[in-house]
Amino acid sequence: MVSDISILVLLVLQAEVGIKSQRKFYRICQLFIGDTGLVRTRFYRRARYLIPLLKLIHQWRADHFLHDDTAIIDSFPLSLYLPIRNLKAKVFKEEADISYNPSKRMWFYGFKVHMLVTLSGFIVNYVVTPASVHDSQVVEELVENSRYPYALAVLGYSSESLKQKLSQSGYCLWTPLRQNMS
């Protein structure tokens, strides 16, 4: 029988190596755990139950090893279809929607991932929202209980009321100025 600790170690290995295919990774795991009778579907079902523990380990690592005081906030689209299929999409119909991404100059159907990342590249927090949710609407949720008092953000997060609200909570949000701002 494969222990939960072994599965955790293998999942960390999968993240470090960057293997995205479950089948390919399971074949590699067979080299480490051998033929224990643990089939691929059962392996990933057990791994899914360990996600809360992985989150605790992630938080502990962030608290003990990262000594930055500045984080970066940004978002990126998580498109589910090619733009030509945006209006015909049926998957995640209640959760996902259509939005425009100005940096990529394209409409997309799907979600938007908002992240709080340290300067050294460690993901501190993330929020997945429908595509049409504006970046500034999730900043408070991203920095909630964060130990990073300074956050660098792109223009999408520039809002004087948001900056004031965050400063009352002890956070400083830095954004570049728009061309029409002084």
N, C-alpha and C. Protein backbone atom coordinates (compact mmCIF):
# COMPACT_ATOMS: atom_id res chain seq x y z
N MET A 1 0.85 -1.19 0.00
CA MET A 1 0.00 0.00 0.00
C MET A 1 0.89 1.24 0.00
N VAL A 2 0.51 2.23 -0.79
CA VAL A 2 1.27 3.48 -0.89
C VAL A 2 0.75 4.44 0.18
N SER A 3 1.67 5.01 0.95
CA SER A 3 1.26 5.92 2.01
C SER A 3 0.92 7.31 1.45
N ASP A 4 0.18 8.09 2.26
CA ASP A 4 -0.16 9.44 1.86
C ASP A 4 1.08 10.31 1.70
N ILE A 5 2.08 10.07 2.53
CA ILE A 5 3.33 10.84 2.45
C ILE A 5 4.01 10.59 1.10
N SER A 6 3.99 9.34 0.65
CA SER A 6 4.59 9.01 -0.65
C SER A 6 3.85 9.73 -1.78
N ILE A 7 2.54 9.77 -1.69
CA ILE A 7 1.75 10.45 -2.71
C ILE A 7 2.05 11.95 -2.70
N LEU A 8 2.16 12.54 -1.50
CA LEU A 8 2.51 13.96 -1.40
C LEU A 8 3.86 14.25 -2.03
N VAL A 9 4.84 13.41 -1.74
CA VAL A 9 6.18 13.60 -2.31
C VAL A 9 6.12 13.49 -3.83
N LEU A 10 5.37 12.54 -4.34
CA LEU A 10 5.25 12.38 -5.79
C LEU A 10 4.55 13.58 -6.43
N LEU A 11 3.55 14.15 -5.75
CA LEU A 11 2.87 15.32 -6.29
C LEU A 11 3.79 16.54 -6.31
N VAL A 12 4.62 16.68 -5.29
CA VAL A 12 5.60 17.77 -5.27
C VAL A 12 6.59 17.57 -6.41
N LEU A 13 7.01 16.32 -6.62
CA LEU A 13 7.90 16.01 -7.74
C LEU A 13 7.25 16.38 -9.07
N GLN A 14 5.97 16.06 -9.22
CA GLN A 14 5.26 16.39 -10.45
C GLN A 14 5.26 17.90 -10.68
N ALA A 15 5.03 18.68 -9.63
CA ALA A 15 5.01 20.14 -9.77
C ALA A 15 6.40 20.67 -10.10
N GLU A 16 7.43 20.12 -9.46
CA GLU A 16 8.80 20.60 -9.69
C GLU A 16 9.28 20.27 -11.10
N VAL A 17 8.96 19.08 -11.57
CA VAL A 17 9.40 18.66 -12.90
C VAL A 17 8.56 19.34 -13.98
N GLY A 18 7.31 19.67 -13.63
CA GLY A 18 6.44 20.37 -14.57
C GLY A 18 5.70 19.44 -15.52
N ILE A 19 5.44 18.22 -15.09
CA ILE A 19 4.71 17.27 -15.92
C ILE A 19 3.22 17.55 -15.79
N LYS A 20 2.56 17.80 -16.90
CA LYS A 20 1.14 18.15 -16.87
C LYS A 20 0.23 16.95 -17.16
N SER A 21 0.73 15.96 -17.86
CA SER A 21 -0.07 14.80 -18.22
C SER A 21 -0.13 13.81 -17.05
N GLN A 22 -1.36 13.50 -16.61
CA GLN A 22 -1.52 12.55 -15.51
C GLN A 22 -1.04 11.16 -15.90
N ARG A 23 -1.33 10.74 -17.11
CA ARG A 23 -0.91 9.40 -17.54
C ARG A 23 0.61 9.27 -17.57
N LYS A 24 1.26 10.26 -18.14
CA LYS A 24 2.73 10.23 -18.21
C LYS A 24 3.33 10.24 -16.80
N PHE A 25 2.78 11.08 -15.92
CA PHE A 25 3.31 11.14 -14.57
C PHE A 25 3.07 9.82 -13.82
N TYR A 26 1.90 9.22 -14.01
CA TYR A 26 1.62 7.96 -13.34
C TYR A 26 2.60 6.87 -13.79
N ARG A 27 2.95 6.88 -15.08
CA ARG A 27 3.94 5.90 -15.57
C ARG A 27 5.30 6.11 -14.88
N ILE A 28 5.67 7.37 -14.68
CA ILE A 28 6.93 7.67 -13.98
C ILE A 28 6.83 7.23 -12.52
N CYS A 29 5.67 7.43 -11.91
CA CYS A 29 5.47 7.04 -10.51
C CYS A 29 5.65 5.54 -10.32
N GLN A 30 5.27 4.76 -11.33
CA GLN A 30 5.42 3.32 -11.24
C GLN A 30 6.89 2.93 -11.01
N LEU A 31 7.82 3.76 -11.49
CA LEU A 31 9.24 3.50 -11.25
C LEU A 31 9.58 3.63 -9.77
N PHE A 32 8.90 4.58 -9.08
CA PHE A 32 9.19 4.84 -7.67
C PHE A 32 8.42 3.92 -6.74
N ILE A 33 7.13 3.71 -7.03
CA ILE A 33 6.31 2.95 -6.10
C ILE A 33 6.12 1.50 -6.52
N GLY A 34 6.52 1.17 -7.75
CA GLY A 34 6.42 -0.21 -8.22
C GLY A 34 4.98 -0.61 -8.47
N ASP A 35 4.76 -1.89 -8.57
CA ASP A 35 3.41 -2.41 -8.81
C ASP A 35 2.76 -2.72 -7.48
N THR A 36 2.08 -1.75 -6.92
CA THR A 36 1.44 -1.91 -5.61
C THR A 36 -0.05 -2.17 -5.73
N GLY A 37 -0.56 -2.22 -6.96
CA GLY A 37 -1.99 -2.41 -7.14
C GLY A 37 -2.76 -1.10 -7.12
N LEU A 38 -2.06 0.02 -6.98
CA LEU A 38 -2.71 1.33 -6.95
C LEU A 38 -2.88 1.81 -8.38
N VAL A 39 -4.10 1.77 -8.87
CA VAL A 39 -4.36 2.18 -10.24
C VAL A 39 -4.36 3.70 -10.34
N ARG A 40 -4.23 4.20 -11.57
CA ARG A 40 -4.07 5.64 -11.80
C ARG A 40 -5.25 6.44 -11.25
N THR A 41 -6.48 5.99 -11.49
CA THR A 41 -7.64 6.75 -11.03
C THR A 41 -7.69 6.82 -9.50
N ARG A 42 -7.33 5.73 -8.84
CA ARG A 42 -7.31 5.72 -7.36
C ARG A 42 -6.18 6.61 -6.85
N PHE A 43 -5.05 6.60 -7.53
CA PHE A 43 -3.92 7.45 -7.16
C PHE A 43 -4.33 8.92 -7.15
N TYR A 44 -4.99 9.37 -8.22
CA TYR A 44 -5.38 10.77 -8.30
C TYR A 44 -6.57 11.09 -7.40
N ARG A 45 -7.42 10.12 -7.10
CA ARG A 45 -8.49 10.35 -6.14
C ARG A 45 -7.90 10.59 -4.74
N ARG A 46 -6.93 9.79 -4.38
CA ARG A 46 -6.26 9.99 -3.08
C ARG A 46 -5.50 11.31 -3.06
N ALA A 47 -4.88 11.65 -4.18
CA ALA A 47 -4.15 12.92 -4.27
C ALA A 47 -5.10 14.09 -4.08
N ARG A 48 -6.30 14.01 -4.64
CA ARG A 48 -7.27 15.10 -4.51
C ARG A 48 -7.67 15.29 -3.04
N TYR A 49 -7.76 14.21 -2.26
CA TYR A 49 -8.09 14.32 -0.84
C TYR A 49 -6.98 14.99 -0.04
N LEU A 50 -5.76 14.99 -0.58
CA LEU A 50 -4.62 15.58 0.12
C LEU A 50 -4.43 17.07 -0.19
N ILE A 51 -5.27 17.64 -1.04
CA ILE A 51 -5.13 19.05 -1.41
C ILE A 51 -5.18 19.99 -0.20
N PRO A 52 -6.10 19.81 0.77
CA PRO A 52 -6.07 20.70 1.95
C PRO A 52 -4.74 20.65 2.70
N LEU A 53 -4.13 19.48 2.77
CA LEU A 53 -2.82 19.36 3.42
C LEU A 53 -1.75 20.09 2.61
N LEU A 54 -1.82 19.98 1.28
CA LEU A 54 -0.87 20.71 0.43
C LEU A 54 -1.00 22.21 0.63
N LYS A 55 -2.23 22.69 0.81
CA LYS A 55 -2.44 24.12 1.06
C LYS A 55 -1.81 24.55 2.38
N LEU A 56 -1.93 23.71 3.41
CA LEU A 56 -1.29 24.01 4.70
C LEU A 56 0.23 24.05 4.58
N ILE A 57 0.79 23.11 3.84
CA ILE A 57 2.24 23.09 3.62
C ILE A 57 2.66 24.34 2.85
N HIS A 58 1.88 24.71 1.86
CA HIS A 58 2.16 25.91 1.07
C HIS A 58 2.16 27.15 1.96
N GLN A 59 1.16 27.28 2.83
CA GLN A 59 1.08 28.43 3.73
C GLN A 59 2.25 28.43 4.72
N TRP A 60 2.61 27.27 5.24
CA TRP A 60 3.73 27.19 6.18
C TRP A 60 5.02 27.62 5.50
N ARG A 61 5.20 27.16 4.26
CA ARG A 61 6.40 27.55 3.51
C ARG A 61 6.45 29.05 3.29
N ALA A 62 5.32 29.62 2.96
CA ALA A 62 5.26 31.06 2.73
C ALA A 62 5.59 31.83 4.02
N ASP A 63 5.12 31.33 5.14
CA ASP A 63 5.36 32.02 6.42
C ASP A 63 6.80 31.89 6.91
N HIS A 64 7.46 30.78 6.61
CA HIS A 64 8.78 30.53 7.19
C HIS A 64 9.97 30.80 6.28
N PHE A 65 9.76 30.74 4.97
CA PHE A 65 10.91 30.84 4.08
C PHE A 65 10.97 32.08 3.21
N LEU A 66 9.87 32.74 3.05
CA LEU A 66 9.86 33.90 2.18
C LEU A 66 9.95 35.17 2.99
N HIS A 67 10.96 35.98 2.72
CA HIS A 67 11.19 37.17 3.53
C HIS A 67 11.02 38.45 2.72
N ASP A 68 10.37 38.37 1.58
CA ASP A 68 10.07 39.58 0.82
C ASP A 68 9.00 40.36 1.56
N ASP A 69 8.94 41.66 1.30
CA ASP A 69 7.83 42.44 1.84
C ASP A 69 6.99 43.00 0.71
N THR A 70 7.34 42.64 -0.53
CA THR A 70 6.62 43.13 -1.70
C THR A 70 6.13 41.95 -2.53
N ALA A 71 4.92 42.10 -3.05
CA ALA A 71 4.34 41.08 -3.92
C ALA A 71 3.83 41.75 -5.19
N ILE A 72 3.55 40.94 -6.18
CA ILE A 72 3.05 41.44 -7.46
C ILE A 72 1.65 40.86 -7.67
N ILE A 73 0.74 41.73 -8.12
CA ILE A 73 -0.63 41.30 -8.41
C ILE A 73 -0.86 41.44 -9.91
N ASP A 74 -1.38 40.38 -10.51
CA ASP A 74 -1.72 40.45 -11.93
C ASP A 74 -2.75 39.37 -12.24
N SER A 75 -3.28 39.41 -13.43
CA SER A 75 -4.27 38.42 -13.84
C SER A 75 -3.97 37.98 -15.28
N PHE A 76 -4.53 36.83 -15.64
CA PHE A 76 -4.40 36.35 -17.02
C PHE A 76 -5.66 35.58 -17.39
N PRO A 77 -5.99 35.57 -18.68
CA PRO A 77 -7.20 34.85 -19.11
C PRO A 77 -6.98 33.34 -19.13
N LEU A 78 -8.03 32.63 -18.82
CA LEU A 78 -8.03 31.18 -18.89
C LEU A 78 -9.13 30.81 -19.89
N SER A 79 -8.76 30.83 -21.16
CA SER A 79 -9.71 30.64 -22.25
C SER A 79 -10.07 29.16 -22.39
N LEU A 80 -11.36 28.88 -22.56
CA LEU A 80 -11.80 27.49 -22.72
C LEU A 80 -11.97 27.09 -24.19
N TYR A 81 -12.16 28.08 -25.04
CA TYR A 81 -12.37 27.81 -26.46
C TYR A 81 -11.58 28.81 -27.29
N LEU A 82 -11.46 28.51 -28.58
CA LEU A 82 -10.95 29.50 -29.52
C LEU A 82 -12.00 30.59 -29.66
N PRO A 83 -11.59 31.83 -29.96
CA PRO A 83 -12.55 32.93 -30.03
C PRO A 83 -13.73 32.69 -30.98
N ILE A 84 -13.54 31.92 -32.01
CA ILE A 84 -14.61 31.67 -32.98
C ILE A 84 -15.78 30.93 -32.34
N ARG A 85 -15.53 30.21 -31.25
CA ARG A 85 -16.57 29.41 -30.60
C ARG A 85 -17.16 30.08 -29.35
N ASN A 86 -16.78 31.32 -29.07
CA ASN A 86 -17.22 31.99 -27.84
C ASN A 86 -18.74 31.97 -27.65
N LEU A 87 -19.49 32.27 -28.69
CA LEU A 87 -20.94 32.39 -28.55
C LEU A 87 -21.65 31.03 -28.55
N LYS A 88 -20.96 29.96 -28.93
CA LYS A 88 -21.56 28.63 -28.97
C LYS A 88 -21.20 27.79 -27.76
N ALA A 89 -20.42 28.32 -26.85
CA ALA A 89 -19.90 27.54 -25.72
C ALA A 89 -21.01 27.09 -24.79
N LYS A 90 -20.91 25.85 -24.35
CA LYS A 90 -21.88 25.30 -23.41
C LYS A 90 -21.23 24.80 -22.12
N VAL A 91 -19.92 24.58 -22.13
CA VAL A 91 -19.22 24.09 -20.95
C VAL A 91 -19.11 25.23 -19.93
N PHE A 92 -19.38 24.95 -18.67
CA PHE A 92 -19.34 25.93 -17.58
C PHE A 92 -20.23 27.14 -17.88
N LYS A 93 -21.40 26.88 -18.47
CA LYS A 93 -22.28 27.96 -18.90
C LYS A 93 -22.69 28.89 -17.76
N GLU A 94 -22.89 28.34 -16.56
CA GLU A 94 -23.30 29.16 -15.41
C GLU A 94 -22.11 29.88 -14.76
N GLU A 95 -20.91 29.34 -14.88
CA GLU A 95 -19.75 29.91 -14.20
C GLU A 95 -18.92 30.83 -15.08
N ALA A 96 -18.68 30.45 -16.32
CA ALA A 96 -17.78 31.21 -17.20
C ALA A 96 -18.58 32.20 -18.04
N ASP A 97 -17.88 33.18 -18.60
CA ASP A 97 -18.51 34.12 -19.51
C ASP A 97 -17.48 34.70 -20.48
N ILE A 98 -17.94 35.65 -21.30
CA ILE A 98 -17.09 36.23 -22.33
C ILE A 98 -16.56 37.58 -21.86
N SER A 99 -15.30 37.86 -22.17
CA SER A 99 -14.69 39.14 -21.82
C SER A 99 -13.61 39.47 -22.84
N TYR A 100 -13.16 40.71 -22.79
CA TYR A 100 -12.12 41.17 -23.70
C TYR A 100 -10.81 41.30 -22.94
N ASN A 101 -9.73 40.81 -23.53
CA ASN A 101 -8.41 40.97 -22.94
C ASN A 101 -7.63 41.97 -23.79
N PRO A 102 -7.44 43.20 -23.28
CA PRO A 102 -6.79 44.23 -24.10
C PRO A 102 -5.32 43.94 -24.42
N SER A 103 -4.60 43.30 -23.52
CA SER A 103 -3.19 43.05 -23.78
C SER A 103 -2.99 42.03 -24.91
N LYS A 104 -3.92 41.09 -25.06
CA LYS A 104 -3.84 40.11 -26.15
C LYS A 104 -4.72 40.50 -27.33
N ARG A 105 -5.48 41.59 -27.15
CA ARG A 105 -6.39 42.10 -28.19
C ARG A 105 -7.33 41.01 -28.71
N MET A 106 -8.02 40.35 -27.77
CA MET A 106 -8.92 39.29 -28.17
C MET A 106 -10.06 39.12 -27.18
N TRP A 107 -11.20 38.66 -27.68
CA TRP A 107 -12.31 38.26 -26.85
C TRP A 107 -12.09 36.79 -26.48
N PHE A 108 -12.48 36.41 -25.29
CA PHE A 108 -12.33 35.01 -24.90
C PHE A 108 -13.48 34.58 -24.00
N TYR A 109 -13.77 33.29 -24.03
CA TYR A 109 -14.78 32.68 -23.17
C TYR A 109 -14.05 31.84 -22.15
N GLY A 110 -14.35 32.06 -20.87
CA GLY A 110 -13.71 31.26 -19.85
C GLY A 110 -13.65 31.97 -18.52
N PHE A 111 -12.48 31.91 -17.92
CA PHE A 111 -12.26 32.45 -16.59
C PHE A 111 -11.07 33.40 -16.61
N LYS A 112 -10.88 34.06 -15.48
CA LYS A 112 -9.71 34.91 -15.31
C LYS A 112 -9.05 34.49 -13.99
N VAL A 113 -7.73 34.30 -14.03
CA VAL A 113 -6.98 33.91 -12.84
C VAL A 113 -6.24 35.15 -12.33
N HIS A 114 -6.48 35.49 -11.08
CA HIS A 114 -5.82 36.63 -10.43
C HIS A 114 -4.83 36.05 -9.42
N MET A 115 -3.59 36.54 -9.43
CA MET A 115 -2.57 35.98 -8.55
C MET A 115 -1.82 37.04 -7.77
N LEU A 116 -1.42 36.65 -6.57
CA LEU A 116 -0.51 37.43 -5.74
C LEU A 116 0.77 36.60 -5.65
N VAL A 117 1.87 37.14 -6.21
CA VAL A 117 3.12 36.40 -6.34
C VAL A 117 4.25 37.21 -5.72
N THR A 118 5.17 36.55 -5.02
CA THR A 118 6.32 37.26 -4.44
C THR A 118 7.31 37.63 -5.55
N LEU A 119 8.26 38.47 -5.21
CA LEU A 119 9.28 38.87 -6.19
C LEU A 119 10.14 37.68 -6.61
N SER A 120 10.23 36.67 -5.74
CA SER A 120 11.01 35.48 -6.08
C SER A 120 10.18 34.44 -6.84
N GLY A 121 8.90 34.74 -7.13
CA GLY A 121 8.09 33.86 -7.95
C GLY A 121 7.20 32.88 -7.22
N PHE A 122 7.08 32.98 -5.90
CA PHE A 122 6.26 32.08 -5.11
C PHE A 122 4.81 32.57 -5.13
N ILE A 123 3.87 31.71 -5.51
CA ILE A 123 2.46 32.08 -5.55
C ILE A 123 1.92 32.08 -4.12
N VAL A 124 1.52 33.25 -3.66
CA VAL A 124 1.01 33.40 -2.29
C VAL A 124 -0.48 33.11 -2.24
N ASN A 125 -1.23 33.63 -3.21
CA ASN A 125 -2.67 33.46 -3.23
C ASN A 125 -3.16 33.60 -4.67
N TYR A 126 -4.30 33.00 -4.95
CA TYR A 126 -4.89 33.15 -6.27
C TYR A 126 -6.41 33.07 -6.15
N VAL A 127 -7.09 33.67 -7.11
CA VAL A 127 -8.55 33.64 -7.19
C VAL A 127 -8.92 33.41 -8.65
N VAL A 128 -9.83 32.48 -8.89
CA VAL A 128 -10.33 32.23 -10.23
C VAL A 128 -11.75 32.78 -10.29
N THR A 129 -12.01 33.67 -11.27
CA THR A 129 -13.31 34.32 -11.40
C THR A 129 -13.82 34.15 -12.83
N PRO A 130 -15.11 34.43 -13.05
CA PRO A 130 -15.57 34.51 -14.44
C PRO A 130 -14.77 35.57 -15.19
N ALA A 131 -14.68 35.46 -16.48
CA ALA A 131 -13.82 36.33 -17.28
C ALA A 131 -14.17 37.80 -17.16
N SER A 132 -15.43 38.13 -16.94
CA SER A 132 -15.84 39.53 -16.95
C SER A 132 -15.59 40.26 -15.63
N VAL A 133 -15.13 39.58 -14.60
CA VAL A 133 -14.86 40.24 -13.32
C VAL A 133 -13.63 41.13 -13.46
N HIS A 134 -13.78 42.39 -13.08
CA HIS A 134 -12.68 43.35 -13.20
C HIS A 134 -11.61 43.05 -12.17
N ASP A 135 -10.36 43.32 -12.55
CA ASP A 135 -9.22 43.03 -11.69
C ASP A 135 -9.35 43.66 -10.31
N SER A 136 -9.81 44.89 -10.24
CA SER A 136 -9.86 45.60 -8.96
C SER A 136 -10.87 45.02 -7.98
N GLN A 137 -11.79 44.18 -8.45
CA GLN A 137 -12.80 43.61 -7.57
C GLN A 137 -12.28 42.47 -6.69
N VAL A 138 -11.12 41.92 -7.00
CA VAL A 138 -10.62 40.78 -6.23
C VAL A 138 -9.36 41.09 -5.43
N VAL A 139 -8.88 42.32 -5.49
CA VAL A 139 -7.63 42.67 -4.82
C VAL A 139 -7.73 42.43 -3.32
N GLU A 140 -8.84 42.84 -2.71
CA GLU A 140 -8.98 42.66 -1.27
C GLU A 140 -8.94 41.19 -0.87
N GLU A 141 -9.55 40.34 -1.67
CA GLU A 141 -9.53 38.90 -1.40
C GLU A 141 -8.12 38.33 -1.57
N LEU A 142 -7.37 38.86 -2.55
CA LEU A 142 -6.00 38.38 -2.77
C LEU A 142 -5.07 38.72 -1.62
N VAL A 143 -5.15 39.95 -1.12
CA VAL A 143 -4.20 40.37 -0.08
C VAL A 143 -4.68 40.06 1.32
N GLU A 144 -5.90 39.54 1.45
CA GLU A 144 -6.45 39.21 2.76
C GLU A 144 -5.53 38.24 3.51
N ASN A 145 -5.18 38.59 4.72
CA ASN A 145 -4.29 37.81 5.59
C ASN A 145 -2.90 37.62 4.99
N SER A 146 -2.51 38.47 4.07
CA SER A 146 -1.19 38.40 3.47
C SER A 146 -0.20 39.15 4.34
N ARG A 147 1.03 38.68 4.38
CA ARG A 147 2.05 39.37 5.18
C ARG A 147 2.93 40.25 4.29
N TYR A 148 2.43 40.58 3.11
CA TYR A 148 3.16 41.43 2.18
C TYR A 148 2.48 42.81 2.14
N PRO A 149 3.07 43.79 2.82
CA PRO A 149 2.40 45.10 2.92
C PRO A 149 2.43 45.90 1.62
N TYR A 150 3.36 45.58 0.71
CA TYR A 150 3.47 46.33 -0.54
C TYR A 150 3.11 45.42 -1.70
N ALA A 151 2.27 45.95 -2.59
CA ALA A 151 1.87 45.18 -3.76
C ALA A 151 2.05 46.03 -5.01
N LEU A 152 2.75 45.48 -6.00
CA LEU A 152 2.90 46.12 -7.30
C LEU A 152 1.82 45.57 -8.21
N ALA A 153 1.17 46.44 -8.97
CA ALA A 153 0.09 45.99 -9.84
C ALA A 153 0.12 46.75 -11.16
N VAL A 154 -0.54 46.21 -12.16
CA VAL A 154 -0.62 46.85 -13.46
C VAL A 154 -1.76 47.87 -13.48
N LEU A 155 -1.93 48.54 -14.60
CA LEU A 155 -2.92 49.61 -14.71
C LEU A 155 -4.34 49.19 -14.37
N GLY A 156 -4.69 47.95 -14.62
CA GLY A 156 -6.04 47.48 -14.36
C GLY A 156 -6.46 47.60 -12.90
N TYR A 157 -5.50 47.73 -12.02
CA TYR A 157 -5.78 47.82 -10.60
C TYR A 157 -5.75 49.26 -10.07
N SER A 158 -5.53 50.23 -10.95
CA SER A 158 -5.39 51.61 -10.48
C SER A 158 -6.76 52.20 -10.18
N SER A 159 -7.00 52.44 -8.91
CA SER A 159 -8.24 53.04 -8.43
C SER A 159 -7.91 53.72 -7.12
N GLU A 160 -8.18 55.00 -7.04
CA GLU A 160 -7.85 55.76 -5.83
C GLU A 160 -8.64 55.25 -4.62
N SER A 161 -9.90 54.90 -4.83
CA SER A 161 -10.71 54.40 -3.71
C SER A 161 -10.19 53.04 -3.23
N LEU A 162 -9.73 52.20 -4.17
CA LEU A 162 -9.15 50.91 -3.79
C LEU A 162 -7.86 51.10 -3.00
N LYS A 163 -7.01 52.01 -3.45
CA LYS A 163 -5.77 52.29 -2.73
C LYS A 163 -6.04 52.77 -1.32
N GLN A 164 -7.04 53.64 -1.15
CA GLN A 164 -7.37 54.15 0.18
C GLN A 164 -7.93 53.04 1.06
N LYS A 165 -8.78 52.20 0.50
CA LYS A 165 -9.36 51.10 1.26
C LYS A 165 -8.27 50.13 1.74
N LEU A 166 -7.32 49.83 0.84
CA LEU A 166 -6.22 48.93 1.21
C LEU A 166 -5.28 49.57 2.24
N SER A 167 -5.04 50.87 2.11
CA SER A 167 -4.15 51.54 3.06
C SER A 167 -4.75 51.53 4.47
N GLN A 168 -6.07 51.55 4.59
CA GLN A 168 -6.71 51.45 5.90
C GLN A 168 -6.49 50.06 6.51
N SER A 169 -6.31 49.06 5.66
CA SER A 169 -6.04 47.70 6.13
C SER A 169 -4.55 47.43 6.32
N GLY A 170 -3.69 48.42 6.00
CA GLY A 170 -2.25 48.26 6.20
C GLY A 170 -1.49 47.83 4.96
N TYR A 171 -2.09 47.93 3.80
CA TYR A 171 -1.44 47.54 2.56
C TYR A 171 -1.22 48.76 1.68
N CYS A 172 -0.15 48.74 0.92
CA CYS A 172 0.15 49.82 -0.02
C CYS A 172 0.16 49.25 -1.43
N LEU A 173 -0.75 49.76 -2.26
CA LEU A 173 -0.87 49.29 -3.64
C LEU A 173 -0.20 50.29 -4.56
N TRP A 174 0.80 49.84 -5.30
CA TRP A 174 1.51 50.69 -6.25
C TRP A 174 1.10 50.31 -7.67
N THR A 175 0.61 51.30 -8.42
CA THR A 175 0.27 51.08 -9.81
C THR A 175 0.86 52.21 -10.65
N PRO A 176 1.18 51.95 -11.90
CA PRO A 176 1.66 53.04 -12.75
C PRO A 176 0.53 54.02 -13.03
N LEU A 177 0.91 55.24 -13.38
CA LEU A 177 -0.08 56.25 -13.70
C LEU A 177 -0.53 56.12 -15.15
N ARG A 178 -1.80 56.39 -15.37
CA ARG A 178 -2.31 56.43 -16.74
C ARG A 178 -1.80 57.72 -17.39
N GLN A 179 -1.90 57.79 -18.71
CA GLN A 179 -1.40 58.96 -19.42
C GLN A 179 -2.14 60.23 -19.03
N ASN A 180 -3.42 60.12 -18.68
CA ASN A 180 -4.18 61.30 -18.33
C ASN A 180 -4.15 61.63 -16.84
N MET A 181 -3.32 60.93 -16.06
CA MET A 181 -3.20 61.17 -14.62
C MET A 181 -1.96 62.01 -14.34
N SER A 182 -2.07 62.82 -13.30
CA SER A 182 -0.90 63.62 -12.92
C SER A 182 -0.27 63.06 -11.66
